[in-house]
PDB file of N, CA and C in Angstrom:
ATOM      1  N   MET A   1      15.359  -4.157 -12.571  1.00  0.00           N
ATOM      2  CA  MET A   1      16.025  -4.659 -11.396  1.00  0.00           C
ATOM      3  C   MET A   1      16.459  -6.044 -11.663  1.00  0.00           C
ATOM      4  N   GLU A   2      17.701  -6.458 -11.251  1.00  0.00           N
ATOM      5  CA  GLU A   2      18.177  -7.744 -11.323  1.00  0.00           C
ATOM      6  C   GLU A   2      19.114  -8.072 -10.137  1.00  0.00           C
ATOM      7  N   GLN A   3      19.127  -9.350  -9.916  1.00  0.00           N
ATOM      8  CA  GLN A   3      20.139  -9.909  -8.934  1.00  0.00           C
ATOM      9  C   GLN A   3      21.474 -10.038  -9.615  1.00  0.00           C
ATOM     10  N   VAL A   4      22.496  -9.613  -8.931  1.00  0.00           N
ATOM     11  CA  VAL A   4      23.868  -9.626  -9.415  1.00  0.00           C
ATOM     12  C   VAL A   4      24.809 -10.425  -8.496  1.00  0.00           C
ATOM     13  N   THR A   5      25.865 -10.961  -9.083  1.00  0.00           N
ATOM     14  CA  THR A   5      26.812 -11.662  -8.211  1.00  0.00           C
ATOM     15  C   THR A   5      28.234 -11.206  -8.463  1.00  0.00           C
ATOM     16  N   ASP A   6      28.428 -10.332  -9.370  1.00  0.00           N
ATOM     17  CA  ASP A   6      29.776  -9.806  -9.668  1.00  0.00           C
ATOM     18  C   ASP A   6      29.848  -8.361  -9.770  1.00  0.00           C
ATOM     19  N   ASN A   7      31.068  -7.829  -9.715  1.00  0.00           N
ATOM     20  CA  ASN A   7      31.307  -6.357  -9.801  1.00  0.00           C
ATOM     21  C   ASN A   7      30.753  -5.544  -8.631  1.00  0.00           C
ATOM     22  N   VAL A   8      30.613  -6.197  -7.429  1.00  0.00           N
ATOM     23  CA  VAL A   8      30.093  -5.466  -6.317  1.00  0.00           C
ATOM     24  C   VAL A   8      31.164  -5.250  -5.248  1.00  0.00           C
ATOM     25  N   ASP A   9      32.315  -5.818  -5.399  1.00  0.00           N
ATOM     26  CA  ASP A   9      33.404  -5.780  -4.371  1.00  0.00           C
ATOM     27  C   ASP A   9      33.947  -4.347  -4.247  1.00  0.00           C
ATOM     28  N   GLY A  10      34.159  -3.568  -5.275  1.00  0.00           N
ATOM     29  CA  GLY A  10      34.709  -2.255  -5.185  1.00  0.00           C
ATOM     30  C   GLY A  10      33.749  -1.072  -4.823  1.00  0.00           C
ATOM     31  N   LEU A  11      32.421  -1.419  -4.526  1.00  0.00           N
ATOM     32  CA  LEU A  11      31.420  -0.381  -4.228  1.00  0.00           C
ATOM     33  C   LEU A  11      31.613   0.120  -2.777  1.00  0.00           C
ATOM     34  N   HIS A  12      31.197   1.417  -2.587  1.00  0.00           N
ATOM     35  CA  HIS A  12      31.240   1.851  -1.285  1.00  0.00           C
ATOM     36  C   HIS A  12      29.830   1.882  -0.755  1.00  0.00           C
ATOM     37  N   TRP A  13      29.527   1.059   0.299  1.00  0.00           N
ATOM     38  CA  TRP A  13      28.147   0.855   0.768  1.00  0.00           C
ATOM     39  C   TRP A  13      27.838   1.724   1.916  1.00  0.00           C
ATOM     40  N   PHE A  14      26.525   2.128   1.985  1.00  0.00           N
ATOM     41  CA  PHE A  14      26.046   3.016   2.906  1.00  0.00           C
ATOM     42  C   PHE A  14      24.802   2.380   3.684  1.00  0.00           C
ATOM     43  N   LYS A  15      24.823   2.416   4.998  1.00  0.00           N
ATOM     44  CA  LYS A  15      23.674   1.869   5.743  1.00  0.00           C
ATOM     45  C   LYS A  15      22.748   2.957   5.898  1.00  0.00           C
ATOM     46  N   SER A  16      21.551   2.571   5.941  1.00  0.00           N
ATOM     47  CA  SER A  16      20.336   3.458   6.185  1.00  0.00           C
ATOM     48  C   SER A  16      20.651   4.341   7.536  1.00  0.00           C
ATOM     49  N   SER A  17      20.295   5.611   7.421  1.00  0.00           N
ATOM     50  CA  SER A  17      20.422   6.357   8.688  1.00  0.00           C
ATOM     51  C   SER A  17      19.409   6.010   9.734  1.00  0.00           C
ATOM     52  N   TYR A  18      18.286   5.304   9.382  1.00  0.00           N
ATOM     53  CA  TYR A  18      17.356   4.921  10.283  1.00  0.00           C
ATOM     54  C   TYR A  18      17.706   3.539  10.932  1.00  0.00           C
ATOM     55  N   SER A  19      18.771   2.908  10.558  1.00  0.00           N
ATOM     56  CA  SER A  19      19.225   1.711  11.081  1.00  0.00           C
ATOM     57  C   SER A  19      19.862   1.964  12.526  1.00  0.00           C
ATOM     58  N   GLY A  20      19.500   1.103  13.452  1.00  0.00           N
ATOM     59  CA  GLY A  20      20.057   1.202  14.723  1.00  0.00           C
ATOM     60  C   GLY A  20      21.497   0.506  14.845  1.00  0.00           C
ATOM     61  N   SER A  21      22.152   0.756  15.840  1.00  0.00           N
ATOM     62  CA  SER A  21      23.512   0.274  16.092  1.00  0.00           C
ATOM     63  C   SER A  21      23.402  -1.059  16.657  1.00  0.00           C
ATOM     64  N   ASP A  22      22.254  -1.628  16.995  1.00  0.00           N
ATOM     65  CA  ASP A  22      22.152  -2.935  17.616  1.00  0.00           C
ATOM     66  C   ASP A  22      22.106  -4.115  16.572  1.00  0.00           C
ATOM     67  N   GLY A  23      22.336  -3.877  15.319  1.00  0.00           N
ATOM     68  CA  GLY A  23      22.457  -4.914  14.293  1.00  0.00           C
ATOM     69  C   GLY A  23      21.056  -5.371  13.842  1.00  0.00           C
ATOM     70  N   GLY A  24      20.053  -4.475  13.958  1.00  0.00           N
ATOM     71  CA  GLY A  24      18.786  -4.953  13.489  1.00  0.00           C
ATOM     72  C   GLY A  24      18.629  -5.002  12.023  1.00  0.00           C
ATOM     73  N   ASP A  25      17.331  -5.038  11.542  1.00  0.00           N
ATOM     74  CA  ASP A  25      17.143  -5.079  10.046  1.00  0.00           C
ATOM     75  C   ASP A  25      17.564  -3.814   9.370  1.00  0.00           C
ATOM     76  N   CYS A  26      18.530  -3.930   8.443  1.00  0.00           N
ATOM     77  CA  CYS A  26      19.129  -2.872   7.752  1.00  0.00           C
ATOM     78  C   CYS A  26      19.313  -3.085   6.275  1.00  0.00           C
ATOM     79  N   VAL A  27      19.288  -2.055   5.540  1.00  0.00           N
ATOM     80  CA  VAL A  27      19.424  -2.130   4.129  1.00  0.00           C
ATOM     81  C   VAL A  27      20.637  -1.189   3.818  1.00  0.00           C
ATOM     82  N   GLU A  28      21.566  -1.740   2.908  1.00  0.00           N
ATOM     83  CA  GLU A  28      22.646  -0.912   2.453  1.00  0.00           C
ATOM     84  C   GLU A  28      22.454  -0.652   0.976  1.00  0.00           C
ATOM     85  N   VAL A  29      22.975   0.516   0.621  1.00  0.00           N
ATOM     86  CA  VAL A  29      22.954   0.773  -0.812  1.00  0.00           C
ATOM     87  C   VAL A  29      24.401   1.274  -1.300  1.00  0.00           C
ATOM     88  N   ALA A  30      24.597   1.193  -2.504  1.00  0.00           N
ATOM     89  CA  ALA A  30      25.883   1.689  -3.132  1.00  0.00           C
ATOM     90  C   ALA A  30      25.531   2.186  -4.533  1.00  0.00           C
ATOM     91  N   ALA A  31      26.221   3.305  -4.837  1.00  0.00           N
ATOM     92  CA  ALA A  31      25.937   3.944  -6.184  1.00  0.00           C
ATOM     93  C   ALA A  31      27.044   3.477  -7.017  1.00  0.00           C
ATOM     94  N   GLY A  32      26.638   2.897  -8.246  1.00  0.00           N
ATOM     95  CA  GLY A  32      27.674   2.665  -9.297  1.00  0.00           C
ATOM     96  C   GLY A  32      27.475   3.708 -10.465  1.00  0.00           C
ATOM     97  N   LEU A  33      28.209   3.484 -11.400  1.00  0.00           N
ATOM     98  CA  LEU A  33      28.174   4.489 -12.490  1.00  0.00           C
ATOM     99  C   LEU A  33      26.822   4.446 -13.288  1.00  0.00           C
ATOM    100  N   ASP A  34      26.228   3.233 -13.411  1.00  0.00           N
ATOM    101  CA  ASP A  34      25.092   3.139 -14.163  1.00  0.00           C
ATOM    102  C   ASP A  34      23.817   2.561 -13.326  1.00  0.00           C
ATOM    103  N   ALA A  35      24.076   2.351 -12.105  1.00  0.00           N
ATOM    104  CA  ALA A  35      22.998   1.720 -11.316  1.00  0.00           C
ATOM    105  C   ALA A  35      23.245   1.922  -9.793  1.00  0.00           C
ATOM    106  N   VAL A  36      22.122   1.563  -9.063  1.00  0.00           N
ATOM    107  CA  VAL A  36      22.256   1.613  -7.662  1.00  0.00           C
ATOM    108  C   VAL A  36      22.195   0.171  -7.140  1.00  0.00           C
ATOM    109  N   TYR A  37      22.925  -0.210  -6.137  1.00  0.00           N
ATOM    110  CA  TYR A  37      22.925  -1.720  -5.700  1.00  0.00           C
ATOM    111  C   TYR A  37      22.395  -1.616  -4.281  1.00  0.00           C
ATOM    112  N   VAL A  38      21.626  -2.686  -3.953  1.00  0.00           N
ATOM    113  CA  VAL A  38      21.037  -2.832  -2.707  1.00  0.00           C
ATOM    114  C   VAL A  38      21.258  -4.221  -2.089  1.00  0.00           C
ATOM    115  N   ARG A  39      21.513  -4.254  -0.785  1.00  0.00           N
ATOM    116  CA  ARG A  39      21.769  -5.525  -0.124  1.00  0.00           C
ATOM    117  C   ARG A  39      21.294  -5.495   1.346  1.00  0.00           C
ATOM    118  N   ASP A  40      21.179  -6.624   1.984  1.00  0.00           N
ATOM    119  CA  ASP A  40      20.977  -6.800   3.394  1.00  0.00           C
ATOM    120  C   ASP A  40      22.056  -6.654   4.085  1.00  0.00           C
ATOM    121  N   SER A  41      22.168  -5.833   5.084  1.00  0.00           N
ATOM    122  CA  SER A  41      23.459  -5.665   5.848  1.00  0.00           C
ATOM    123  C   SER A  41      23.796  -6.780   6.697  1.00  0.00           C
ATOM    124  N   LYS A  42      22.883  -7.734   7.037  1.00  0.00           N
ATOM    125  CA  LYS A  42      23.063  -8.841   7.884  1.00  0.00           C
ATOM    126  C   LYS A  42      23.653 -10.056   6.973  1.00  0.00           C
ATOM    127  N   ALA A  43      23.694  -9.944   5.645  1.00  0.00           N
ATOM    128  CA  ALA A  43      24.103 -11.034   4.774  1.00  0.00           C
ATOM    129  C   ALA A  43      25.021 -10.440   3.720  1.00  0.00           C
ATOM    130  N   VAL A  44      26.068  -9.620   4.028  1.00  0.00           N
ATOM    131  CA  VAL A  44      26.926  -8.985   3.091  1.00  0.00           C
ATOM    132  C   VAL A  44      27.717 -10.015   2.187  1.00  0.00           C
ATOM    133  N   SER A  45      28.183 -11.103   2.769  1.00  0.00           N
ATOM    134  CA  SER A  45      29.075 -11.933   2.161  1.00  0.00           C
ATOM    135  C   SER A  45      28.285 -13.000   1.296  1.00  0.00           C
ATOM    136  N   ASP A  46      27.252 -13.416   1.771  1.00  0.00           N
ATOM    137  CA  ASP A  46      26.446 -14.473   0.991  1.00  0.00           C
ATOM    138  C   ASP A  46      25.063 -14.152   0.632  1.00  0.00           C
ATOM    139  N   GLY A  47      24.605 -13.022   0.951  1.00  0.00           N
ATOM    140  CA  GLY A  47      23.250 -12.626   0.465  1.00  0.00           C
ATOM    141  C   GLY A  47      23.134 -12.015  -0.843  1.00  0.00           C
ATOM    142  N   PRO A  48      21.994 -11.925  -1.420  1.00  0.00           N
ATOM    143  CA  PRO A  48      21.784 -11.356  -2.722  1.00  0.00           C
ATOM    144  C   PRO A  48      22.100  -9.889  -2.786  1.00  0.00           C
ATOM    145  N   VAL A  49      22.472  -9.457  -3.940  1.00  0.00           N
ATOM    146  CA  VAL A  49      22.626  -7.979  -4.223  1.00  0.00           C
ATOM    147  C   VAL A  49      21.667  -7.729  -5.526  1.00  0.00           C
ATOM    148  N   LEU A  50      20.949  -6.648  -5.318  1.00  0.00           N
ATOM    149  CA  LEU A  50      20.036  -6.237  -6.382  1.00  0.00           C
ATOM    150  C   LEU A  50      20.655  -5.009  -7.146  1.00  0.00           C
ATOM    151  N   ARG A  51      20.652  -4.939  -8.531  1.00  0.00           N
ATOM    152  CA  ARG A  51      21.033  -3.819  -9.180  1.00  0.00           C
ATOM    153  C   ARG A  51      19.670  -3.255  -9.782  1.00  0.00           C
ATOM    154  N   VAL A  52      19.715  -1.880  -9.517  1.00  0.00           N
ATOM    155  CA  VAL A  52      18.481  -1.081  -9.901  1.00  0.00           C
ATOM    156  C   VAL A  52      18.984  -0.005 -10.831  1.00  0.00           C
ATOM    157  N   GLY A  53      18.313   0.224 -11.902  1.00  0.00           N
ATOM    158  CA  GLY A  53      18.776   1.433 -12.800  1.00  0.00           C
ATOM    159  C   GLY A  53      18.530   2.731 -11.999  1.00  0.00           C
ATOM    160  N   ARG A  54      19.367   3.738 -12.400  1.00  0.00           N
ATOM    161  CA  ARG A  54      19.335   4.940 -11.700  1.00  0.00           C
ATOM    162  C   ARG A  54      17.919   5.608 -11.836  1.00  0.00           C
ATOM    163  N   ASP A  55      17.370   5.496 -13.094  1.00  0.00           N
ATOM    164  CA  ASP A  55      15.931   6.092 -13.177  1.00  0.00           C
ATOM    165  C   ASP A  55      14.920   5.382 -12.333  1.00  0.00           C
ATOM    166  N   GLU A  56      14.990   4.065 -12.315  1.00  0.00           N
ATOM    167  CA  GLU A  56      14.041   3.364 -11.422  1.00  0.00           C
ATOM    168  C   GLU A  56      14.264   3.623  -9.918  1.00  0.00           C
ATOM    169  N   TRP A  57      15.568   3.773  -9.541  1.00  0.00           N
ATOM    170  CA  TRP A  57      15.827   4.168  -8.160  1.00  0.00           C
ATOM    171  C   TRP A  57      15.256   5.520  -7.880  1.00  0.00           C
ATOM    172  N   ALA A  58      15.501   6.492  -8.686  1.00  0.00           N
ATOM    173  CA  ALA A  58      14.971   7.878  -8.490  1.00  0.00           C
ATOM    174  C   ALA A  58      13.466   7.833  -8.332  1.00  0.00           C
ATOM    175  N   ALA A  59      12.734   6.968  -9.108  1.00  0.00           N
ATOM    176  CA  ALA A  59      11.313   6.894  -9.104  1.00  0.00           C
ATOM    177  C   ALA A  59      10.920   6.308  -7.636  1.00  0.00           C
ATOM    178  N   PHE A  60      11.679   5.213  -7.197  1.00  0.00           N
ATOM    179  CA  PHE A  60      11.382   4.568  -5.944  1.00  0.00           C
ATOM    180  C   PHE A  60      11.563   5.658  -4.802  1.00  0.00           C
ATOM    181  N   VAL A  61      12.672   6.288  -4.859  1.00  0.00           N
ATOM    182  CA  VAL A  61      12.960   7.322  -3.730  1.00  0.00           C
ATOM    183  C   VAL A  61      11.830   8.379  -3.703  1.00  0.00           C
ATOM    184  N   ALA A  62      11.461   8.867  -4.867  1.00  0.00           N
ATOM    185  CA  ALA A  62      10.382   9.889  -5.003  1.00  0.00           C
ATOM    186  C   ALA A  62       9.024   9.441  -4.363  1.00  0.00           C
ATOM    187  N   LEU A  63       8.741   8.203  -4.721  1.00  0.00           N
ATOM    188  CA  LEU A  63       7.412   7.621  -4.101  1.00  0.00           C
ATOM    189  C   LEU A  63       7.614   7.237  -2.626  1.00  0.00           C
ATOM    190  N   ALA A  64       8.764   6.917  -2.226  1.00  0.00           N
ATOM    191  CA  ALA A  64       8.960   6.650  -0.707  1.00  0.00           C
ATOM    192  C   ALA A  64       8.990   7.886   0.081  1.00  0.00           C
ATOM    193  N   THR A  65       9.292   8.940  -0.494  1.00  0.00           N
ATOM    194  CA  THR A  65       9.336  10.233   0.396  1.00  0.00           C
ATOM    195  C   THR A  65       8.000  11.008   0.423  1.00  0.00           C
ATOM    196  N   GLU A  66       7.040  10.448  -0.394  1.00  0.00           N
ATOM    197  CA  GLU A  66       5.739  11.111  -0.432  1.00  0.00           C
ATOM    198  C   GLU A  66       5.007  11.027   0.880  1.00  0.00           C
TER     199      GLU A  66
END
């Protein structure tokens, strides 16, 4: 996992289905060719973006759904 600042403008971001419509705490993810990108939906223009390898993301999702 690493923080990135470039090559994220063309990604299609998805907000968590558990996020409310009132602008609460939300996480957005976008799938790239070689990684998954994660950001805070409240800070899309100036907040950090994390790049996570696809294998690491799959392991995270598997553990989160147990």
